[in-house]
Amino acid sequence: MKYSYFILILLLAFEVNAEPLAARCQSCHGLDGIARSADTPHLKGQHVAYLRQQLLDYRARKRRHALMSAIAASLTEQQIDKLARFYGQPYADGAQQADYSADK
């Protein structure tokens, strides 16, 4: 019985970890959510609901970008939620929210 709780806790901890999913985003948006290029929007600090909706729109092809649409099409709603929560965390140092004007 003691081991069952340990396994359950281990599985739950693995389930909420979005970092492996975020590795897909890393080359353009950075693993930390800070884009490496001025042409790519930052994800860190964006509102969770905003990030979620953008991924859903890319997946449904309501918003068009070849690479983003392909990546979003491969994600489940649960994975989209995890990514939105992973990147939607505020800046730790109290810096400003990311600017939505970088939308494409």
PDB file of N, CA and C in Angstrom:
ATOM      1  N   MET A   1       0.825  -1.193   0.000  1.00  0.00           N
ATOM      2  CA  MET A   1       0.000   0.000   0.000  1.00  0.00           C
ATOM      3  C   MET A   1       0.872   1.261   0.000  1.00  0.00           C
ATOM      4  N   LYS A   2       1.933   1.246   0.783  1.00  0.00           N
ATOM      5  CA  LYS A   2       2.837   2.378   0.880  1.00  0.00           C
ATOM      6  C   LYS A   2       3.433   2.702  -0.497  1.00  0.00           C
ATOM      7  N   TYR A   3       3.757   1.671  -1.271  1.00  0.00           N
ATOM      8  CA  TYR A   3       4.338   1.865  -2.594  1.00  0.00           C
ATOM      9  C   TYR A   3       3.327   2.424  -3.582  1.00  0.00           C
ATOM     10  N   SER A   4       2.058   2.090  -3.415  1.00  0.00           N
ATOM     11  CA  SER A   4       1.013   2.606  -4.301  1.00  0.00           C
ATOM     12  C   SER A   4       0.936   4.121  -4.225  1.00  0.00           C
ATOM     13  N   TYR A   5       1.015   4.669  -3.026  1.00  0.00           N
ATOM     14  CA  TYR A   5       0.988   6.124  -2.867  1.00  0.00           C
ATOM     15  C   TYR A   5       2.206   6.766  -3.512  1.00  0.00           C
ATOM     16  N   PHE A   6       3.359   6.134  -3.335  1.00  0.00           N
ATOM     17  CA  PHE A   6       4.579   6.659  -3.925  1.00  0.00           C
ATOM     18  C   PHE A   6       4.471   6.684  -5.450  1.00  0.00           C
ATOM     19  N   ILE A   7       3.983   5.625  -6.032  1.00  0.00           N
ATOM     20  CA  ILE A   7       3.835   5.545  -7.488  1.00  0.00           C
ATOM     21  C   ILE A   7       2.831   6.584  -7.970  1.00  0.00           C
ATOM     22  N   LEU A   8       1.733   6.745  -7.256  1.00  0.00           N
ATOM     23  CA  LEU A   8       0.728   7.737  -7.626  1.00  0.00           C
ATOM     24  C   LEU A   8       1.311   9.149  -7.591  1.00  0.00           C
ATOM     25  N   ILE A   9       2.042   9.461  -6.546  1.00  0.00           N
ATOM     26  CA  ILE A   9       2.666  10.781  -6.427  1.00  0.00           C
ATOM     27  C   ILE A   9       3.684  10.988  -7.545  1.00  0.00           C
ATOM     28  N   LEU A  10       4.450   9.969  -7.843  1.00  0.00           N
ATOM     29  CA  LEU A  10       5.437  10.052  -8.918  1.00  0.00           C
ATOM     30  C   LEU A  10       4.758  10.295 -10.263  1.00  0.00           C
ATOM     31  N   LEU A  11       3.690   9.581 -10.529  1.00  0.00           N
ATOM     32  CA  LEU A  11       2.957   9.767 -11.785  1.00  0.00           C
ATOM     33  C   LEU A  11       2.344  11.156 -11.890  1.00  0.00           C
ATOM     34  N   LEU A  12       1.795  11.653 -10.803  1.00  0.00           N
ATOM     35  CA  LEU A  12       1.217  12.993 -10.807  1.00  0.00           C
ATOM     36  C   LEU A  12       2.295  14.056 -11.028  1.00  0.00           C
ATOM     37  N   ALA A  13       3.436  13.870 -10.425  1.00  0.00           N
ATOM     38  CA  ALA A  13       4.531  14.832 -10.607  1.00  0.00           C
ATOM     39  C   ALA A  13       4.986  14.832 -12.057  1.00  0.00           C
ATOM     40  N   PHE A  14       5.083  13.673 -12.676  1.00  0.00           N
ATOM     41  CA  PHE A  14       5.487  13.591 -14.078  1.00  0.00           C
ATOM     42  C   PHE A  14       4.425  14.204 -14.979  1.00  0.00           C
ATOM     43  N   GLU A  15       3.165  14.001 -14.646  1.00  0.00           N
ATOM     44  CA  GLU A  15       2.061  14.493 -15.466  1.00  0.00           C
ATOM     45  C   GLU A  15       2.019  16.010 -15.557  1.00  0.00           C
ATOM     46  N   VAL A  16       2.333  16.719 -14.503  1.00  0.00           N
ATOM     47  CA  VAL A  16       2.221  18.171 -14.523  1.00  0.00           C
ATOM     48  C   VAL A  16       3.461  18.863 -15.094  1.00  0.00           C
ATOM     49  N   ASN A  17       4.512  18.103 -15.364  1.00  0.00           N
ATOM     50  CA  ASN A  17       5.739  18.688 -15.888  1.00  0.00           C
ATOM     51  C   ASN A  17       5.587  18.979 -17.380  1.00  0.00           C
ATOM     52  N   ALA A  18       5.534  20.240 -17.736  1.00  0.00           N
ATOM     53  CA  ALA A  18       5.358  20.644 -19.133  1.00  0.00           C
ATOM     54  C   ALA A  18       6.691  20.892 -19.825  1.00  0.00           C
ATOM     55  N   GLU A  19       7.786  20.814 -19.108  1.00  0.00           N
ATOM     56  CA  GLU A  19       9.075  21.150 -19.711  1.00  0.00           C
ATOM     57  C   GLU A  19       9.408  20.287 -20.933  1.00  0.00           C
ATOM     58  N   PRO A  20       9.137  18.981 -20.939  1.00  0.00           N
ATOM     59  CA  PRO A  20       9.413  18.215 -22.158  1.00  0.00           C
ATOM     60  C   PRO A  20       8.598  18.722 -23.361  1.00  0.00           C
ATOM     61  N   LEU A  21       7.381  19.144 -23.135  1.00  0.00           N
ATOM     62  CA  LEU A  21       6.576  19.734 -24.216  1.00  0.00           C
ATOM     63  C   LEU A  21       7.173  21.057 -24.665  1.00  0.00           C
ATOM     64  N   ALA A  22       7.626  21.848 -23.713  1.00  0.00           N
ATOM     65  CA  ALA A  22       8.175  23.169 -24.022  1.00  0.00           C
ATOM     66  C   ALA A  22       9.470  23.069 -24.817  1.00  0.00           C
ATOM     67  N   ALA A  23      10.125  21.939 -24.769  1.00  0.00           N
ATOM     68  CA  ALA A  23      11.361  21.760 -25.534  1.00  0.00           C
ATOM     69  C   ALA A  23      11.097  21.936 -27.032  1.00  0.00           C
ATOM     70  N   ARG A  24       9.881  21.637 -27.472  1.00  0.00           N
ATOM     71  CA  ARG A  24       9.510  21.839 -28.872  1.00  0.00           C
ATOM     72  C   ARG A  24       9.505  23.322 -29.236  1.00  0.00           C
ATOM     73  N   CYS A  25       9.234  24.166 -28.280  1.00  0.00           N
ATOM     74  CA  CYS A  25       9.086  25.610 -28.502  1.00  0.00           C
ATOM     75  C   CYS A  25      10.419  26.339 -28.385  1.00  0.00           C
ATOM     76  N   GLN A  26      11.377  25.678 -27.801  1.00  0.00           N
ATOM     77  CA  GLN A  26      12.625  26.275 -27.376  1.00  0.00           C
ATOM     78  C   GLN A  26      13.421  26.938 -28.497  1.00  0.00           C
ATOM     79  N   SER A  27      13.480  26.348 -29.670  1.00  0.00           N
ATOM     80  CA  SER A  27      14.361  26.911 -30.694  1.00  0.00           C
ATOM     81  C   SER A  27      13.919  28.299 -31.147  1.00  0.00           C
ATOM     82  N   CYS A  28      12.630  28.584 -31.096  1.00  0.00           N
ATOM     83  CA  CYS A  28      12.139  29.918 -31.498  1.00  0.00           C
ATOM     84  C   CYS A  28      11.801  30.804 -30.302  1.00  0.00           C
ATOM     85  N   HIS A  29      11.091  30.245 -29.333  1.00  0.00           N
ATOM     86  CA  HIS A  29      10.586  31.034 -28.209  1.00  0.00           C
ATOM     87  C   HIS A  29      11.459  30.946 -26.964  1.00  0.00           C
ATOM     88  N   GLY A  30      12.467  30.086 -26.984  1.00  0.00           N
ATOM     89  CA  GLY A  30      13.319  29.888 -25.822  1.00  0.00           C
ATOM     90  C   GLY A  30      12.620  29.031 -24.778  1.00  0.00           C
ATOM     91  N   LEU A  31      13.358  28.156 -24.116  1.00  0.00           N
ATOM     92  CA  LEU A  31      12.753  27.300 -23.096  1.00  0.00           C
ATOM     93  C   LEU A  31      12.188  28.144 -21.960  1.00  0.00           C
ATOM     94  N   ASP A  32      12.792  29.311 -21.730  1.00  0.00           N
ATOM     95  CA  ASP A  32      12.318  30.206 -20.674  1.00  0.00           C
ATOM     96  C   ASP A  32      11.204  31.130 -21.149  1.00  0.00           C
ATOM     97  N   GLY A  33      10.815  31.014 -22.448  1.00  0.00           N
ATOM     98  CA  GLY A  33       9.728  31.842 -22.972  1.00  0.00           C
ATOM     99  C   GLY A  33      10.158  33.196 -23.496  1.00  0.00           C
ATOM    100  N   ILE A  34      11.448  33.454 -23.480  1.00  0.00           N
ATOM    101  CA  ILE A  34      11.980  34.709 -24.008  1.00  0.00           C
ATOM    102  C   ILE A  34      12.547  34.412 -25.396  1.00  0.00           C
ATOM    103  N   ALA A  35      11.908  34.989 -26.418  1.00  0.00           N
ATOM    104  CA  ALA A  35      12.289  34.727 -27.806  1.00  0.00           C
ATOM    105  C   ALA A  35      13.704  35.212 -28.091  1.00  0.00           C
ATOM    106  N   ARG A  36      14.385  34.489 -28.957  1.00  0.00           N
ATOM    107  CA  ARG A  36      15.755  34.837 -29.321  1.00  0.00           C
ATOM    108  C   ARG A  36      15.806  35.813 -30.501  1.00  0.00           C
ATOM    109  N   SER A  37      14.679  35.959 -31.185  1.00  0.00           N
ATOM    110  CA  SER A  37      14.612  36.812 -32.368  1.00  0.00           C
ATOM    111  C   SER A  37      13.541  37.882 -32.173  1.00  0.00           C
ATOM    112  N   ALA A  38      13.773  39.056 -32.728  1.00  0.00           N
ATOM    113  CA  ALA A  38      12.794  40.143 -32.628  1.00  0.00           C
ATOM    114  C   ALA A  38      11.515  39.825 -33.399  1.00  0.00           C
ATOM    115  N   ASP A  39      11.579  38.893 -34.336  1.00  0.00           N
ATOM    116  CA  ASP A  39      10.411  38.511 -35.141  1.00  0.00           C
ATOM    117  C   ASP A  39       9.519  37.480 -34.452  1.00  0.00           C
ATOM    118  N   THR A  40       9.949  36.994 -33.308  1.00  0.00           N
ATOM    119  CA  THR A  40       9.213  35.944 -32.596  1.00  0.00           C
ATOM    120  C   THR A  40       8.708  36.489 -31.267  1.00  0.00           C
ATOM    121  N   PRO A  41       7.422  36.288 -30.975  1.00  0.00           N
ATOM    122  CA  PRO A  41       6.893  36.830 -29.715  1.00  0.00           C
ATOM    123  C   PRO A  41       7.395  36.079 -28.480  1.00  0.00           C
ATOM    124  N   HIS A  42       7.552  36.810 -27.398  1.00  0.00           N
ATOM    125  CA  HIS A  42       7.849  36.183 -26.107  1.00  0.00           C
ATOM    126  C   HIS A  42       6.585  35.478 -25.628  1.00  0.00           C
ATOM    127  N   LEU A  43       6.763  34.362 -24.957  1.00  0.00           N
ATOM    128  CA  LEU A  43       5.633  33.640 -24.372  1.00  0.00           C
ATOM    129  C   LEU A  43       5.548  33.878 -22.866  1.00  0.00           C
ATOM    130  N   LYS A  44       6.689  34.039 -22.241  1.00  0.00           N
ATOM    131  CA  LYS A  44       6.722  34.219 -20.790  1.00  0.00           C
ATOM    132  C   LYS A  44       5.966  35.484 -20.402  1.00  0.00           C
ATOM    133  N   GLY A  45       5.096  35.342 -19.428  1.00  0.00           N
ATOM    134  CA  GLY A  45       4.361  36.485 -18.928  1.00  0.00           C
ATOM    135  C   GLY A  45       3.041  36.757 -19.630  1.00  0.00           C
ATOM    136  N   GLN A  46       2.780  36.065 -20.747  1.00  0.00           N
ATOM    137  CA  GLN A  46       1.494  36.218 -21.414  1.00  0.00           C
ATOM    138  C   GLN A  46       0.409  35.603 -20.524  1.00  0.00           C
ATOM    139  N   HIS A  47      -0.816  36.031 -20.708  1.00  0.00           N
ATOM    140  CA  HIS A  47      -1.923  35.443 -19.952  1.00  0.00           C
ATOM    141  C   HIS A  47      -2.138  34.002 -20.409  1.00  0.00           C
ATOM    142  N   VAL A  48      -2.401  33.123 -19.464  1.00  0.00           N
ATOM    143  CA  VAL A  48      -2.599  31.704 -19.761  1.00  0.00           C
ATOM    144  C   VAL A  48      -3.717  31.527 -20.784  1.00  0.00           C
ATOM    145  N   ALA A  49      -4.842  32.211 -20.584  1.00  0.00           N
ATOM    146  CA  ALA A  49      -5.988  32.063 -21.506  1.00  0.00           C
ATOM    147  C   ALA A  49      -5.621  32.522 -22.919  1.00  0.00           C
ATOM    148  N   TYR A  50      -4.816  33.570 -23.013  1.00  0.00           N
ATOM    149  CA  TYR A  50      -4.379  34.072 -24.320  1.00  0.00           C
ATOM    150  C   TYR A  50      -3.517  33.030 -25.034  1.00  0.00           C
ATOM    151  N   LEU A  51      -2.529  32.477 -24.330  1.00  0.00           N
ATOM    152  CA  LEU A  51      -1.653  31.477 -24.936  1.00  0.00           C
ATOM    153  C   LEU A  51      -2.444  30.250 -25.376  1.00  0.00           C
ATOM    154  N   ARG A  52      -3.353  29.808 -24.522  1.00  0.00           N
ATOM    155  CA  ARG A  52      -4.189  28.646 -24.840  1.00  0.00           C
ATOM    156  C   ARG A  52      -5.002  28.906 -26.104  1.00  0.00           C
ATOM    157  N   GLN A  53      -5.627  30.067 -26.180  1.00  0.00           N
ATOM    158  CA  GLN A  53      -6.467  30.385 -27.334  1.00  0.00           C
ATOM    159  C   GLN A  53      -5.643  30.469 -28.625  1.00  0.00           C
ATOM    160  N   GLN A  54      -4.452  31.026 -28.533  1.00  0.00           N
ATOM    161  CA  GLN A  54      -3.610  31.125 -29.732  1.00  0.00           C
ATOM    162  C   GLN A  54      -3.243  29.740 -30.254  1.00  0.00           C
ATOM    163  N   LEU A  55      -2.881  28.828 -29.348  1.00  0.00           N
ATOM    164  CA  LEU A  55      -2.549  27.464 -29.771  1.00  0.00           C
ATOM    165  C   LEU A  55      -3.767  26.762 -30.358  1.00  0.00           C
ATOM    166  N   LEU A  56      -4.932  26.955 -29.744  1.00  0.00           N
ATOM    167  CA  LEU A  56      -6.156  26.363 -30.294  1.00  0.00           C
ATOM    168  C   LEU A  56      -6.457  26.937 -31.684  1.00  0.00           C
ATOM    169  N   ASP A  57      -6.248  28.236 -31.858  1.00  0.00           N
ATOM    170  CA  ASP A  57      -6.484  28.865 -33.164  1.00  0.00           C
ATOM    171  C   ASP A  57      -5.499  28.370 -34.221  1.00  0.00           C
ATOM    172  N   TYR A  58      -4.242  28.187 -33.846  1.00  0.00           N
ATOM    173  CA  TYR A  58      -3.280  27.613 -34.793  1.00  0.00           C
ATOM    174  C   TYR A  58      -3.699  26.192 -35.172  1.00  0.00           C
ATOM    175  N   ARG A  59      -4.117  25.432 -34.171  1.00  0.00           N
ATOM    176  CA  ARG A  59      -4.514  24.039 -34.423  1.00  0.00           C
ATOM    177  C   ARG A  59      -5.726  23.973 -35.341  1.00  0.00           C
ATOM    178  N   ALA A  60      -6.674  24.890 -35.175  1.00  0.00           N
ATOM    179  CA  ALA A  60      -7.891  24.918 -35.995  1.00  0.00           C
ATOM    180  C   ALA A  60      -7.673  25.677 -37.313  1.00  0.00           C
ATOM    181  N   ARG A  61      -6.470  26.199 -37.497  1.00  0.00           N
ATOM    182  CA  ARG A  61      -6.101  26.978 -38.691  1.00  0.00           C
ATOM    183  C   ARG A  61      -6.900  28.282 -38.812  1.00  0.00           C
ATOM    184  N   LYS A  62      -7.375  28.793 -37.681  1.00  0.00           N
ATOM    185  CA  LYS A  62      -8.011  30.116 -37.653  1.00  0.00           C
ATOM    186  C   LYS A  62      -6.922  31.182 -37.663  1.00  0.00           C
ATOM    187  N   ARG A  63      -5.775  30.809 -37.174  1.00  0.00           N
ATOM    188  CA  ARG A  63      -4.597  31.667 -37.195  1.00  0.00           C
ATOM    189  C   ARG A  63      -3.548  30.907 -37.995  1.00  0.00           C
ATOM    190  N   ARG A  64      -2.902  31.572 -38.932  1.00  0.00           N
ATOM    191  CA  ARG A  64      -2.038  30.853 -39.863  1.00  0.00           C
ATOM    192  C   ARG A  64      -0.552  31.194 -39.707  1.00  0.00           C
ATOM    193  N   HIS A  65       0.189  30.126 -39.570  1.00  0.00           N
ATOM    194  CA  HIS A  65       1.651  30.165 -39.578  1.00  0.00           C
ATOM    195  C   HIS A  65       2.045  28.711 -39.787  1.00  0.00           C
ATOM    196  N   ALA A  66       2.764  28.417 -40.865  1.00  0.00           N
ATOM    197  CA  ALA A  66       3.025  27.025 -41.242  1.00  0.00           C
ATOM    198  C   ALA A  66       3.602  26.192 -40.091  1.00  0.00           C
ATOM    199  N   LEU A  67       4.649  26.675 -39.470  1.00  0.00           N
ATOM    200  CA  LEU A  67       5.285  25.908 -38.404  1.00  0.00           C
ATOM    201  C   LEU A  67       4.405  25.809 -37.163  1.00  0.00           C
ATOM    202  N   MET A  68       3.839  26.934 -36.737  1.00  0.00           N
ATOM    203  CA  MET A  68       2.998  26.908 -35.535  1.00  0.00           C
ATOM    204  C   MET A  68       1.748  26.058 -35.731  1.00  0.00           C
ATOM    205  N   SER A  69       1.156  26.118 -36.908  1.00  0.00           N
ATOM    206  CA  SER A  69      -0.032  25.295 -37.177  1.00  0.00           C
ATOM    207  C   SER A  69       0.311  23.811 -37.129  1.00  0.00           C
ATOM    208  N   ALA A  70       1.458  23.459 -37.677  1.00  0.00           N
ATOM    209  CA  ALA A  70       1.881  22.047 -37.658  1.00  0.00           C
ATOM    210  C   ALA A  70       2.155  21.576 -36.234  1.00  0.00           C
ATOM    211  N   ILE A  71       2.828  22.403 -35.455  1.00  0.00           N
ATOM    212  CA  ILE A  71       3.115  22.025 -34.064  1.00  0.00           C
ATOM    213  C   ILE A  71       1.825  21.929 -33.259  1.00  0.00           C
ATOM    214  N   ALA A  72       0.963  22.917 -33.384  1.00  0.00           N
ATOM    215  CA  ALA A  72      -0.286  22.929 -32.617  1.00  0.00           C
ATOM    216  C   ALA A  72      -1.189  21.769 -33.021  1.00  0.00           C
ATOM    217  N   ALA A  73      -1.157  21.376 -34.291  1.00  0.00           N
ATOM    218  CA  ALA A  73      -1.984  20.253 -34.752  1.00  0.00           C
ATOM    219  C   ALA A  73      -1.577  18.949 -34.072  1.00  0.00           C
ATOM    220  N   SER A  74      -0.336  18.871 -33.626  1.00  0.00           N
ATOM    221  CA  SER A  74       0.140  17.638 -32.983  1.00  0.00           C
ATOM    222  C   SER A  74      -0.138  17.608 -31.482  1.00  0.00           C
ATOM    223  N   LEU A  75      -0.688  18.685 -30.937  1.00  0.00           N
ATOM    224  CA  LEU A  75      -0.929  18.774 -29.498  1.00  0.00           C
ATOM    225  C   LEU A  75      -2.369  18.428 -29.129  1.00  0.00           C
ATOM    226  N   THR A  76      -2.525  17.751 -28.008  1.00  0.00           N
ATOM    227  CA  THR A  76      -3.856  17.508 -27.456  1.00  0.00           C
ATOM    228  C   THR A  76      -4.281  18.746 -26.667  1.00  0.00           C
ATOM    229  N   GLU A  77      -5.544  18.827 -26.312  1.00  0.00           N
ATOM    230  CA  GLU A  77      -5.993  19.965 -25.486  1.00  0.00           C
ATOM    231  C   GLU A  77      -5.284  19.973 -24.141  1.00  0.00           C
ATOM    232  N   GLN A  78      -5.037  18.801 -23.587  1.00  0.00           N
ATOM    233  CA  GLN A  78      -4.331  18.718 -22.303  1.00  0.00           C
ATOM    234  C   GLN A  78      -2.908  19.260 -22.443  1.00  0.00           C
ATOM    235  N   GLN A  79      -2.231  18.935 -23.533  1.00  0.00           N
ATOM    236  CA  GLN A  79      -0.884  19.447 -23.753  1.00  0.00           C
ATOM    237  C   GLN A  79      -0.895  20.961 -23.974  1.00  0.00           C
ATOM    238  N   ILE A  80      -1.896  21.450 -24.691  1.00  0.00           N
ATOM    239  CA  ILE A  80      -2.032  22.896 -24.896  1.00  0.00           C
ATOM    240  C   ILE A  80      -2.221  23.599 -23.557  1.00  0.00           C
ATOM    241  N   ASP A  81      -3.054  23.044 -22.705  1.00  0.00           N
ATOM    242  CA  ASP A  81      -3.264  23.619 -21.367  1.00  0.00           C
ATOM    243  C   ASP A  81      -1.964  23.647 -20.568  1.00  0.00           C
ATOM    244  N   LYS A  82      -1.202  22.566 -20.626  1.00  0.00           N
ATOM    245  CA  LYS A  82       0.068  22.500 -19.899  1.00  0.00           C
ATOM    246  C   LYS A  82       1.047  23.555 -20.397  1.00  0.00           C
ATOM    247  N   LEU A  83       1.145  23.689 -21.713  1.00  0.00           N
ATOM    248  CA  LEU A  83       2.059  24.684 -22.272  1.00  0.00           C
ATOM    249  C   LEU A  83       1.642  26.100 -21.901  1.00  0.00           C
ATOM    250  N   ALA A  84       0.351  26.369 -21.966  1.00  0.00           N
ATOM    251  CA  ALA A  84      -0.145  27.704 -21.615  1.00  0.00           C
ATOM    252  C   ALA A  84       0.165  28.024 -20.155  1.00  0.00           C
ATOM    253  N   ARG A  85      -0.011  27.046 -19.280  1.00  0.00           N
ATOM    254  CA  ARG A  85       0.294  27.275 -17.857  1.00  0.00           C
ATOM    255  C   ARG A  85       1.803  27.382 -17.627  1.00  0.00           C
ATOM    256  N   PHE A  86       2.581  26.614 -18.379  1.00  0.00           N
ATOM    257  CA  PHE A  86       4.042  26.642 -18.226  1.00  0.00           C
ATOM    258  C   PHE A  86       4.597  28.015 -18.599  1.00  0.00           C
ATOM    259  N   TYR A  87       4.198  28.532 -19.745  1.00  0.00           N
ATOM    260  CA  TYR A  87       4.712  29.817 -20.200  1.00  0.00           C
ATOM    261  C   TYR A  87       3.929  30.990 -19.634  1.00  0.00           C
ATOM    262  N   GLY A  88       2.716  30.774 -19.177  1.00  0.00           N
ATOM    263  CA  GLY A  88       1.869  31.852 -18.703  1.00  0.00           C
ATOM    264  C   GLY A  88       2.175  32.324 -17.298  1.00  0.00           C
ATOM    265  N   GLN A  89       3.251  31.864 -16.735  1.00  0.00           N
ATOM    266  CA  GLN A  89       3.635  32.318 -15.400  1.00  0.00           C
ATOM    267  C   GLN A  89       4.233  33.715 -15.489  1.00  0.00           C
ATOM    268  N   PRO A  90       3.977  34.558 -14.505  1.00  0.00           N
ATOM    269  CA  PRO A  90       4.525  35.924 -14.542  1.00  0.00           C
ATOM    270  C   PRO A  90       6.042  35.918 -14.354  1.00  0.00           C
ATOM    271  N   TYR A  91       6.666  37.015 -14.748  1.00  0.00           N
ATOM    272  CA  TYR A  91       8.104  37.174 -14.533  1.00  0.00           C
ATOM    273  C   TYR A  91       8.402  37.129 -13.044  1.00  0.00           C
ATOM    274  N   ALA A  92       9.443  36.436 -12.682  1.00  0.00           N
ATOM    275  CA  ALA A  92       9.815  36.313 -11.272  1.00  0.00           C
ATOM    276  C   ALA A  92      10.321  37.641 -10.712  1.00  0.00           C
ATOM    277  N   ASP A  93      10.926  38.465 -11.552  1.00  0.00           N
ATOM    278  CA  ASP A  93      11.512  39.711 -11.060  1.00  0.00           C
ATOM    279  C   ASP A  93      10.542  40.887 -11.089  1.00  0.00           C
ATOM    280  N   GLY A  94       9.276  40.642 -11.399  1.00  0.00           N
ATOM    281  CA  GLY A  94       8.273  41.693 -11.384  1.00  0.00           C
ATOM    282  C   GLY A  94       8.281  42.568 -12.624  1.00  0.00           C
ATOM    283  N   ALA A  95       8.958  42.118 -13.687  1.00  0.00           N
ATOM    284  CA  ALA A  95       8.993  42.895 -14.930  1.00  0.00           C
ATOM    285  C   ALA A  95       7.602  42.948 -15.563  1.00  0.00           C
ATOM    286  N   GLN A  96       7.457  43.795 -16.556  1.00  0.00           N
ATOM    287  CA  GLN A  96       6.176  43.984 -17.228  1.00  0.00           C
ATOM    288  C   GLN A  96       5.681  42.716 -17.905  1.00  0.00           C
ATOM    289  N   GLN A  97       4.343  42.648 -18.097  1.00  0.00           N
ATOM    290  CA  GLN A  97       3.746  41.590 -18.906  1.00  0.00           C
ATOM    291  C   GLN A  97       4.302  41.689 -20.319  1.00  0.00           C
ATOM    292  N   ALA A  98       4.402  40.556 -20.993  1.00  0.00           N
ATOM    293  CA  ALA A  98       4.866  40.554 -22.378  1.00  0.00           C
ATOM    294  C   ALA A  98       3.866  41.313 -23.252  1.00  0.00           C
ATOM    295  N   ASP A  99       4.358  41.905 -24.323  1.00  0.00           N
ATOM    296  CA  ASP A  99       3.547  42.713 -25.212  1.00  0.00           C
ATOM    297  C   ASP A  99       2.866  41.861 -26.265  1.00  0.00           C
ATOM    298  N   TYR A 100       1.555  42.010 -26.440  1.00  0.00           N
ATOM    299  CA  TYR A 100       0.812  41.243 -27.435  1.00  0.00           C
ATOM    300  C   TYR A 100       1.048  41.765 -28.857  1.00  0.00           C
ATOM    301  N   SER A 101       1.692  42.890 -29.015  1.00  0.00           N
ATOM    302  CA  SER A 101       1.843  43.496 -30.324  1.00  0.00           C
ATOM    303  C   SER A 101       2.721  42.690 -31.269  1.00  0.00           C
ATOM    304  N   ALA A 102       3.411  41.685 -30.757  1.00  0.00           N
ATOM    305  CA  ALA A 102       4.270  40.864 -31.596  1.00  0.00           C
ATOM    306  C   ALA A 102       3.471  39.803 -32.359  1.00  0.00           C
ATOM    307  N   ASP A 103       2.161  39.778 -32.181  1.00  0.00           N
ATOM    308  CA  ASP A 103       1.317  38.802 -32.872  1.00  0.00           C
ATOM    309  C   ASP A 103       1.510  38.887 -34.375  1.00  0.00           C
ATOM    310  N   LYS A 104       1.389  37.742 -34.989  1.00  0.00           N
ATOM    311  CA  LYS A 104       1.517  37.686 -36.441  1.00  0.00           C
ATOM    312  C   LYS A 104       0.213  37.234 -37.040  1.00  0.00           C
TER     313      LYS A 104
END
